[in-house]
Amino acid sequence: MTRAKAHVRFFASAIIVALVAIVGFDVVSRVVVADKALRLAFSETLRVLGAQPVDTLVLFLPFAAVGVLAAETTKASRMVPAVTLFALSVAALWWLYFSGFMGGQHALLERKWTAAALSVGLLPFTSIPIVFVAALVAGFVAWRYRAPKT
């Protein structure tokens, strides 16, 4: 697979998994914690994300970074290590985002407005260690599979 195809595939995958995390986990937290109807929770989520496009883009950035790291890993190795890196990183980001959205809804119920805003707003920054570890693993894979110089 060419490098450009790998970048397109991993970036498209990053968009999909980010949508699941951002939209899906927000809707689930509104339904489960706030006991809202699915339709109302979905419309509120879309309204909030549409009103704050820069914030939504910032929430997407860790997923994009992991996608780029996985795509770059395919340059130095086969597809299996790259897909494994991507899947494990996305699983860690999903866990982080799910806890953040659920914690935000719990804070809203307790009328802790600042805590609710920060539990979701700081997700891109709390995901930095996950992206850093993914970068270290990608670097190790690139070093490990590097062709010997002749």
N, C-alpha and C. Protein backbone atom coordinates (compact mmCIF):
# COMPACT_ATOMS: atom_id res chain seq x y z
N MET A 1 0.85 -1.18 0.00
CA MET A 1 0.00 0.00 0.00
C MET A 1 0.89 1.23 0.00
N THR A 2 0.50 2.18 -0.79
CA THR A 2 1.30 3.41 -0.85
C THR A 2 1.09 4.23 0.41
N ARG A 3 2.01 5.14 0.62
CA ARG A 3 1.96 5.98 1.81
C ARG A 3 0.71 6.86 1.81
N ALA A 4 0.34 7.40 0.64
CA ALA A 4 -0.83 8.27 0.54
C ALA A 4 -2.10 7.49 0.86
N LYS A 5 -2.19 6.26 0.37
CA LYS A 5 -3.38 5.44 0.66
C LYS A 5 -3.49 5.14 2.15
N ALA A 6 -2.36 4.87 2.77
CA ALA A 6 -2.36 4.59 4.21
C ALA A 6 -2.83 5.81 4.99
N HIS A 7 -2.36 7.00 4.59
CA HIS A 7 -2.78 8.23 5.27
C HIS A 7 -4.28 8.45 5.11
N VAL A 8 -4.79 8.24 3.92
CA VAL A 8 -6.22 8.45 3.67
C VAL A 8 -7.04 7.45 4.48
N ARG A 9 -6.63 6.20 4.49
CA ARG A 9 -7.39 5.18 5.23
C ARG A 9 -7.37 5.43 6.73
N PHE A 10 -6.22 5.73 7.26
CA PHE A 10 -6.15 5.96 8.71
C PHE A 10 -6.84 7.27 9.09
N PHE A 11 -6.76 8.29 8.25
CA PHE A 11 -7.44 9.55 8.57
C PHE A 11 -8.95 9.37 8.50
N ALA A 12 -9.44 8.63 7.50
CA ALA A 12 -10.88 8.34 7.42
C ALA A 12 -11.33 7.53 8.63
N SER A 13 -10.51 6.58 9.03
CA SER A 13 -10.83 5.79 10.22
C SER A 13 -10.82 6.67 11.47
N ALA A 14 -9.89 7.61 11.54
CA ALA A 14 -9.83 8.52 12.68
C ALA A 14 -11.08 9.38 12.76
N ILE A 15 -11.59 9.82 11.62
CA ILE A 15 -12.82 10.62 11.61
C ILE A 15 -13.98 9.79 12.14
N ILE A 16 -14.09 8.56 11.70
CA ILE A 16 -15.20 7.70 12.13
C ILE A 16 -15.12 7.42 13.62
N VAL A 17 -13.95 7.02 14.12
CA VAL A 17 -13.86 6.70 15.55
C VAL A 17 -14.00 7.96 16.40
N ALA A 18 -13.59 9.11 15.89
CA ALA A 18 -13.78 10.36 16.63
C ALA A 18 -15.26 10.72 16.70
N LEU A 19 -15.99 10.52 15.62
CA LEU A 19 -17.43 10.78 15.65
C LEU A 19 -18.14 9.87 16.65
N VAL A 20 -17.73 8.62 16.69
CA VAL A 20 -18.32 7.70 17.67
C VAL A 20 -18.03 8.20 19.08
N ALA A 21 -16.80 8.62 19.31
CA ALA A 21 -16.42 9.07 20.64
C ALA A 21 -17.10 10.37 21.02
N ILE A 22 -17.08 11.34 20.13
CA ILE A 22 -17.58 12.67 20.47
C ILE A 22 -19.10 12.71 20.47
N VAL A 23 -19.70 12.29 19.38
CA VAL A 23 -21.17 12.34 19.29
C VAL A 23 -21.78 11.19 20.08
N GLY A 24 -21.28 9.99 19.84
CA GLY A 24 -21.87 8.82 20.47
C GLY A 24 -21.80 8.84 21.98
N PHE A 25 -20.64 9.14 22.53
CA PHE A 25 -20.50 9.12 23.99
C PHE A 25 -21.25 10.28 24.64
N ASP A 26 -21.36 11.40 23.96
CA ASP A 26 -22.15 12.51 24.50
C ASP A 26 -23.63 12.12 24.54
N VAL A 27 -24.12 11.51 23.48
CA VAL A 27 -25.52 11.08 23.45
C VAL A 27 -25.76 10.01 24.51
N VAL A 28 -24.88 9.04 24.61
CA VAL A 28 -25.05 7.97 25.60
C VAL A 28 -25.05 8.54 27.01
N SER A 29 -24.15 9.48 27.28
CA SER A 29 -24.11 10.06 28.63
C SER A 29 -25.38 10.85 28.94
N ARG A 30 -25.93 11.53 27.95
CA ARG A 30 -27.17 12.28 28.18
C ARG A 30 -28.34 11.33 28.42
N VAL A 31 -28.36 10.20 27.71
CA VAL A 31 -29.46 9.25 27.87
C VAL A 31 -29.33 8.50 29.20
N VAL A 32 -28.13 8.01 29.50
CA VAL A 32 -27.95 7.17 30.68
C VAL A 32 -27.94 7.99 31.97
N VAL A 33 -27.17 9.05 32.00
CA VAL A 33 -27.01 9.81 33.24
C VAL A 33 -28.14 10.83 33.42
N ALA A 34 -28.42 11.62 32.39
CA ALA A 34 -29.42 12.68 32.52
C ALA A 34 -30.83 12.18 32.24
N ASP A 35 -30.97 10.91 31.83
CA ASP A 35 -32.27 10.29 31.59
C ASP A 35 -33.09 11.05 30.55
N LYS A 36 -32.44 11.44 29.47
CA LYS A 36 -33.12 12.14 28.39
C LYS A 36 -33.51 11.15 27.31
N ALA A 37 -34.50 11.52 26.54
CA ALA A 37 -34.90 10.69 25.41
C ALA A 37 -33.78 10.70 24.36
N LEU A 38 -33.64 9.62 23.63
CA LEU A 38 -32.57 9.50 22.64
C LEU A 38 -32.62 10.63 21.62
N ARG A 39 -33.79 10.94 21.13
CA ARG A 39 -33.94 11.99 20.13
C ARG A 39 -33.52 13.35 20.68
N LEU A 40 -33.95 13.65 21.90
CA LEU A 40 -33.59 14.92 22.54
C LEU A 40 -32.09 14.98 22.80
N ALA A 41 -31.51 13.88 23.28
CA ALA A 41 -30.08 13.85 23.56
C ALA A 41 -29.28 14.05 22.28
N PHE A 42 -29.70 13.43 21.20
CA PHE A 42 -29.00 13.57 19.93
C PHE A 42 -29.09 15.00 19.40
N SER A 43 -30.28 15.59 19.49
CA SER A 43 -30.43 16.97 18.99
C SER A 43 -29.63 17.96 19.85
N GLU A 44 -29.60 17.76 21.16
CA GLU A 44 -28.80 18.63 22.03
C GLU A 44 -27.31 18.51 21.71
N THR A 45 -26.87 17.28 21.48
CA THR A 45 -25.47 17.06 21.14
C THR A 45 -25.10 17.77 19.85
N LEU A 46 -25.93 17.61 18.82
CA LEU A 46 -25.65 18.27 17.54
C LEU A 46 -25.70 19.79 17.66
N ARG A 47 -26.60 20.29 18.49
CA ARG A 47 -26.70 21.73 18.69
C ARG A 47 -25.44 22.28 19.35
N VAL A 48 -24.97 21.59 20.38
CA VAL A 48 -23.77 22.03 21.10
C VAL A 48 -22.54 21.93 20.20
N LEU A 49 -22.39 20.83 19.49
CA LEU A 49 -21.22 20.66 18.62
C LEU A 49 -21.24 21.64 17.46
N GLY A 50 -22.43 21.96 16.94
CA GLY A 50 -22.54 22.93 15.86
C GLY A 50 -22.27 24.35 16.32
N ALA A 51 -22.60 24.63 17.57
CA ALA A 51 -22.38 25.99 18.10
C ALA A 51 -20.92 26.22 18.46
N GLN A 52 -20.17 25.14 18.63
CA GLN A 52 -18.77 25.26 19.03
C GLN A 52 -17.87 24.46 18.08
N PRO A 53 -17.76 24.90 16.82
CA PRO A 53 -16.99 24.09 15.86
C PRO A 53 -15.50 24.00 16.18
N VAL A 54 -14.93 25.03 16.76
CA VAL A 54 -13.50 24.98 17.10
C VAL A 54 -13.27 23.97 18.22
N ASP A 55 -14.14 23.97 19.21
CA ASP A 55 -14.02 23.01 20.30
C ASP A 55 -14.18 21.58 19.79
N THR A 56 -15.10 21.38 18.86
CA THR A 56 -15.30 20.06 18.27
C THR A 56 -14.05 19.63 17.52
N LEU A 57 -13.43 20.55 16.80
CA LEU A 57 -12.21 20.24 16.07
C LEU A 57 -11.08 19.88 17.04
N VAL A 58 -10.99 20.58 18.14
CA VAL A 58 -9.95 20.30 19.13
C VAL A 58 -10.19 18.92 19.76
N LEU A 59 -11.45 18.54 19.98
CA LEU A 59 -11.75 17.21 20.50
C LEU A 59 -11.33 16.12 19.51
N PHE A 60 -11.31 16.44 18.22
CA PHE A 60 -10.94 15.49 17.18
C PHE A 60 -9.42 15.31 17.06
N LEU A 61 -8.64 16.27 17.47
CA LEU A 61 -7.19 16.28 17.24
C LEU A 61 -6.44 15.05 17.76
N PRO A 62 -6.72 14.53 18.97
CA PRO A 62 -5.99 13.32 19.39
C PRO A 62 -6.22 12.13 18.46
N PHE A 63 -7.42 12.00 17.93
CA PHE A 63 -7.71 10.91 17.01
C PHE A 63 -6.96 11.10 15.70
N ALA A 64 -6.89 12.34 15.24
CA ALA A 64 -6.13 12.63 14.02
C ALA A 64 -4.65 12.34 14.23
N ALA A 65 -4.12 12.69 15.38
CA ALA A 65 -2.71 12.43 15.67
C ALA A 65 -2.41 10.94 15.67
N VAL A 66 -3.29 10.17 16.28
CA VAL A 66 -3.10 8.71 16.30
C VAL A 66 -3.20 8.14 14.89
N GLY A 67 -4.11 8.68 14.08
CA GLY A 67 -4.22 8.23 12.70
C GLY A 67 -2.96 8.51 11.90
N VAL A 68 -2.39 9.69 12.08
CA VAL A 68 -1.15 10.03 11.38
C VAL A 68 0.00 9.14 11.85
N LEU A 69 0.09 8.90 13.15
CA LEU A 69 1.15 8.03 13.67
C LEU A 69 1.03 6.62 13.09
N ALA A 70 -0.19 6.11 13.03
CA ALA A 70 -0.38 4.77 12.47
C ALA A 70 -0.04 4.74 10.98
N ALA A 71 -0.42 5.77 10.26
CA ALA A 71 -0.10 5.83 8.84
C ALA A 71 1.40 5.91 8.62
N GLU A 72 2.09 6.67 9.44
CA GLU A 72 3.55 6.77 9.32
C GLU A 72 4.22 5.45 9.69
N THR A 73 3.60 4.69 10.57
CA THR A 73 4.15 3.39 10.95
C THR A 73 4.15 2.43 9.77
N THR A 74 3.16 2.56 8.89
CA THR A 74 3.11 1.67 7.73
C THR A 74 4.28 1.93 6.78
N LYS A 75 4.87 3.12 6.85
CA LYS A 75 6.02 3.43 6.00
C LYS A 75 7.22 2.58 6.37
N ALA A 76 7.35 2.29 7.67
CA ALA A 76 8.52 1.56 8.14
C ALA A 76 8.26 0.07 8.33
N SER A 77 7.00 -0.33 8.40
CA SER A 77 6.71 -1.73 8.70
C SER A 77 5.50 -2.19 7.89
N ARG A 78 5.01 -3.34 8.25
CA ARG A 78 3.81 -3.86 7.61
C ARG A 78 2.58 -3.19 8.20
N MET A 79 1.42 -3.61 7.71
CA MET A 79 0.17 -3.00 8.14
C MET A 79 -0.25 -3.46 9.54
N VAL A 80 0.10 -4.67 9.92
CA VAL A 80 -0.37 -5.22 11.20
C VAL A 80 0.08 -4.38 12.40
N PRO A 81 1.35 -4.00 12.53
CA PRO A 81 1.73 -3.15 13.66
C PRO A 81 1.02 -1.80 13.66
N ALA A 82 0.78 -1.25 12.48
CA ALA A 82 0.11 0.05 12.39
C ALA A 82 -1.34 -0.06 12.83
N VAL A 83 -2.02 -1.09 12.38
CA VAL A 83 -3.42 -1.28 12.77
C VAL A 83 -3.52 -1.58 14.27
N THR A 84 -2.58 -2.35 14.78
CA THR A 84 -2.58 -2.65 16.22
C THR A 84 -2.35 -1.38 17.03
N LEU A 85 -1.40 -0.57 16.61
CA LEU A 85 -1.14 0.71 17.28
C LEU A 85 -2.38 1.59 17.25
N PHE A 86 -3.02 1.68 16.09
CA PHE A 86 -4.22 2.50 15.94
C PHE A 86 -5.34 1.98 16.84
N ALA A 87 -5.57 0.68 16.82
CA ALA A 87 -6.67 0.10 17.60
C ALA A 87 -6.46 0.28 19.10
N LEU A 88 -5.27 0.03 19.58
CA LEU A 88 -5.01 0.19 21.02
C LEU A 88 -5.09 1.65 21.45
N SER A 89 -4.59 2.54 20.62
CA SER A 89 -4.66 3.97 20.94
C SER A 89 -6.10 4.46 20.95
N VAL A 90 -6.88 4.02 19.97
CA VAL A 90 -8.29 4.42 19.91
C VAL A 90 -9.05 3.87 21.11
N ALA A 91 -8.76 2.64 21.51
CA ALA A 91 -9.42 2.07 22.68
C ALA A 91 -9.13 2.90 23.93
N ALA A 92 -7.89 3.32 24.09
CA ALA A 92 -7.53 4.16 25.25
C ALA A 92 -8.22 5.52 25.17
N LEU A 93 -8.25 6.11 23.97
CA LEU A 93 -8.93 7.40 23.81
C LEU A 93 -10.43 7.26 24.05
N TRP A 94 -11.02 6.18 23.57
CA TRP A 94 -12.45 5.96 23.80
C TRP A 94 -12.75 5.86 25.30
N TRP A 95 -11.91 5.12 26.02
CA TRP A 95 -12.13 5.00 27.46
C TRP A 95 -12.06 6.38 28.12
N LEU A 96 -11.07 7.17 27.73
CA LEU A 96 -10.90 8.51 28.29
C LEU A 96 -12.10 9.40 27.96
N TYR A 97 -12.52 9.40 26.71
CA TYR A 97 -13.63 10.25 26.28
C TYR A 97 -14.95 9.80 26.92
N PHE A 98 -15.16 8.49 27.00
CA PHE A 98 -16.38 7.99 27.64
C PHE A 98 -16.45 8.44 29.10
N SER A 99 -15.32 8.28 29.83
CA SER A 99 -15.31 8.74 31.22
C SER A 99 -15.51 10.24 31.33
N GLY A 100 -14.94 10.99 30.40
CA GLY A 100 -15.08 12.44 30.44
C GLY A 100 -16.52 12.90 30.20
N PHE A 101 -17.18 12.32 29.21
CA PHE A 101 -18.56 12.70 28.94
C PHE A 101 -19.50 12.25 30.06
N MET A 102 -19.27 11.05 30.59
CA MET A 102 -20.11 10.58 31.70
C MET A 102 -19.88 11.45 32.94
N GLY A 103 -18.63 11.78 33.22
CA GLY A 103 -18.32 12.65 34.36
C GLY A 103 -18.92 14.03 34.20
N GLY A 104 -18.93 14.54 32.97
CA GLY A 104 -19.54 15.84 32.72
C GLY A 104 -21.03 15.85 33.00
N GLN A 105 -21.71 14.79 32.59
CA GLN A 105 -23.15 14.71 32.86
C GLN A 105 -23.44 14.56 34.35
N HIS A 106 -22.61 13.77 35.04
CA HIS A 106 -22.79 13.65 36.50
C HIS A 106 -22.57 14.99 37.18
N ALA A 107 -21.58 15.74 36.74
CA ALA A 107 -21.32 17.06 37.32
C ALA A 107 -22.47 18.02 37.04
N LEU A 108 -23.07 17.93 35.85
CA LEU A 108 -24.22 18.78 35.54
C LEU A 108 -25.39 18.49 36.47
N LEU A 109 -25.62 17.21 36.75
CA LEU A 109 -26.71 16.86 37.66
C LEU A 109 -26.48 17.40 39.06
N GLU A 110 -25.21 17.49 39.46
CA GLU A 110 -24.88 18.00 40.78
C GLU A 110 -24.69 19.52 40.77
N ARG A 111 -24.98 20.15 39.63
CA ARG A 111 -24.87 21.59 39.46
C ARG A 111 -23.44 22.11 39.67
N LYS A 112 -22.49 21.31 39.26
CA LYS A 112 -21.08 21.70 39.31
C LYS A 112 -20.69 22.10 37.89
N TRP A 113 -21.00 23.33 37.53
CA TRP A 113 -20.89 23.78 36.16
C TRP A 113 -19.46 23.80 35.65
N THR A 114 -18.54 24.25 36.48
CA THR A 114 -17.15 24.31 36.06
C THR A 114 -16.58 22.92 35.85
N ALA A 115 -16.89 22.02 36.76
CA ALA A 115 -16.42 20.64 36.62
C ALA A 115 -16.99 19.99 35.36
N ALA A 116 -18.24 20.29 35.06
CA ALA A 116 -18.87 19.72 33.87
C ALA A 116 -18.18 20.23 32.60
N ALA A 117 -17.90 21.51 32.57
CA ALA A 117 -17.25 22.08 31.39
C ALA A 117 -15.83 21.57 31.24
N LEU A 118 -15.11 21.45 32.33
CA LEU A 118 -13.72 21.02 32.26
C LEU A 118 -13.58 19.53 31.98
N SER A 119 -14.54 18.72 32.41
CA SER A 119 -14.41 17.28 32.19
C SER A 119 -14.43 16.94 30.71
N VAL A 120 -15.13 17.72 29.90
CA VAL A 120 -15.14 17.51 28.45
C VAL A 120 -14.12 18.42 27.78
N GLY A 121 -14.01 19.63 28.23
CA GLY A 121 -13.13 20.60 27.58
C GLY A 121 -11.65 20.27 27.68
N LEU A 122 -11.27 19.56 28.72
CA LEU A 122 -9.86 19.21 28.88
C LEU A 122 -9.49 17.84 28.30
N LEU A 123 -10.44 17.16 27.68
CA LEU A 123 -10.17 15.84 27.12
C LEU A 123 -9.00 15.83 26.13
N PRO A 124 -8.90 16.80 25.22
CA PRO A 124 -7.74 16.77 24.31
C PRO A 124 -6.41 16.89 25.05
N PHE A 125 -6.40 17.58 26.17
CA PHE A 125 -5.16 17.77 26.91
C PHE A 125 -4.86 16.56 27.79
N THR A 126 -5.89 15.93 28.34
CA THR A 126 -5.67 14.73 29.14
C THR A 126 -5.32 13.52 28.26
N SER A 127 -5.56 13.66 26.95
CA SER A 127 -5.21 12.56 26.04
C SER A 127 -3.77 12.66 25.54
N ILE A 128 -3.05 13.69 25.93
CA ILE A 128 -1.67 13.86 25.50
C ILE A 128 -0.79 12.67 25.88
N PRO A 129 -0.91 12.12 27.10
CA PRO A 129 -0.09 10.94 27.41
C PRO A 129 -0.37 9.75 26.50
N ILE A 130 -1.60 9.56 26.09
CA ILE A 130 -1.94 8.46 25.20
C ILE A 130 -1.27 8.68 23.84
N VAL A 131 -1.36 9.88 23.32
CA VAL A 131 -0.74 10.19 22.03
C VAL A 131 0.78 10.10 22.14
N PHE A 132 1.33 10.51 23.27
CA PHE A 132 2.78 10.43 23.48
C PHE A 132 3.25 8.98 23.48
N VAL A 133 2.53 8.12 24.19
CA VAL A 133 2.89 6.70 24.21
C VAL A 133 2.75 6.10 22.81
N ALA A 134 1.70 6.49 22.09
CA ALA A 134 1.53 6.01 20.71
C ALA A 134 2.70 6.45 19.84
N ALA A 135 3.18 7.67 20.05
CA ALA A 135 4.33 8.16 19.28
C ALA A 135 5.59 7.38 19.63
N LEU A 136 5.77 7.06 20.90
CA LEU A 136 6.92 6.25 21.30
C LEU A 136 6.86 4.86 20.67
N VAL A 137 5.68 4.26 20.69
CA VAL A 137 5.52 2.93 20.09
C VAL A 137 5.75 2.99 18.58
N ALA A 138 5.22 4.03 17.93
CA ALA A 138 5.43 4.19 16.49
C ALA A 138 6.92 4.36 16.18
N GLY A 139 7.62 5.11 17.00
CA GLY A 139 9.05 5.28 16.81
C GLY A 139 9.81 3.97 17.01
N PHE A 140 9.40 3.20 18.00
CA PHE A 140 10.03 1.90 18.23
C PHE A 140 9.79 0.96 17.06
N VAL A 141 8.56 0.92 16.57
CA VAL A 141 8.24 0.06 15.43
C VAL A 141 9.04 0.48 14.20
N ALA A 142 9.16 1.78 13.97
CA ALA A 142 9.94 2.26 12.83
C ALA A 142 11.41 1.88 12.99
N TRP A 143 11.93 1.98 14.20
CA TRP A 143 13.31 1.61 14.45
C TRP A 143 13.52 0.11 14.30
N ARG A 144 12.57 -0.67 14.80
CA ARG A 144 12.67 -2.14 14.79
C ARG A 144 12.60 -2.70 13.38
N TYR A 145 11.74 -2.15 12.55
CA TYR A 145 11.53 -2.70 11.21
C TYR A 145 12.33 -1.97 10.13
N ARG A 146 13.15 -1.02 10.53
CA ARG A 146 13.95 -0.28 9.56
C ARG A 146 14.86 -1.23 8.80
N ALA A 147 14.90 -1.07 7.51
CA ALA A 147 15.78 -1.92 6.69
C ALA A 147 17.23 -1.58 6.98
N PRO A 148 18.07 -2.59 7.07
CA PRO A 148 19.48 -2.30 7.33
C PRO A 148 20.13 -1.60 6.14
N LYS A 149 21.00 -0.66 6.45
CA LYS A 149 21.67 0.10 5.39
C LYS A 149 22.82 -0.74 4.83
N THR A 150 22.93 -0.71 3.51
CA THR A 150 24.01 -1.49 2.88
C THR A 150 25.03 -0.58 2.24
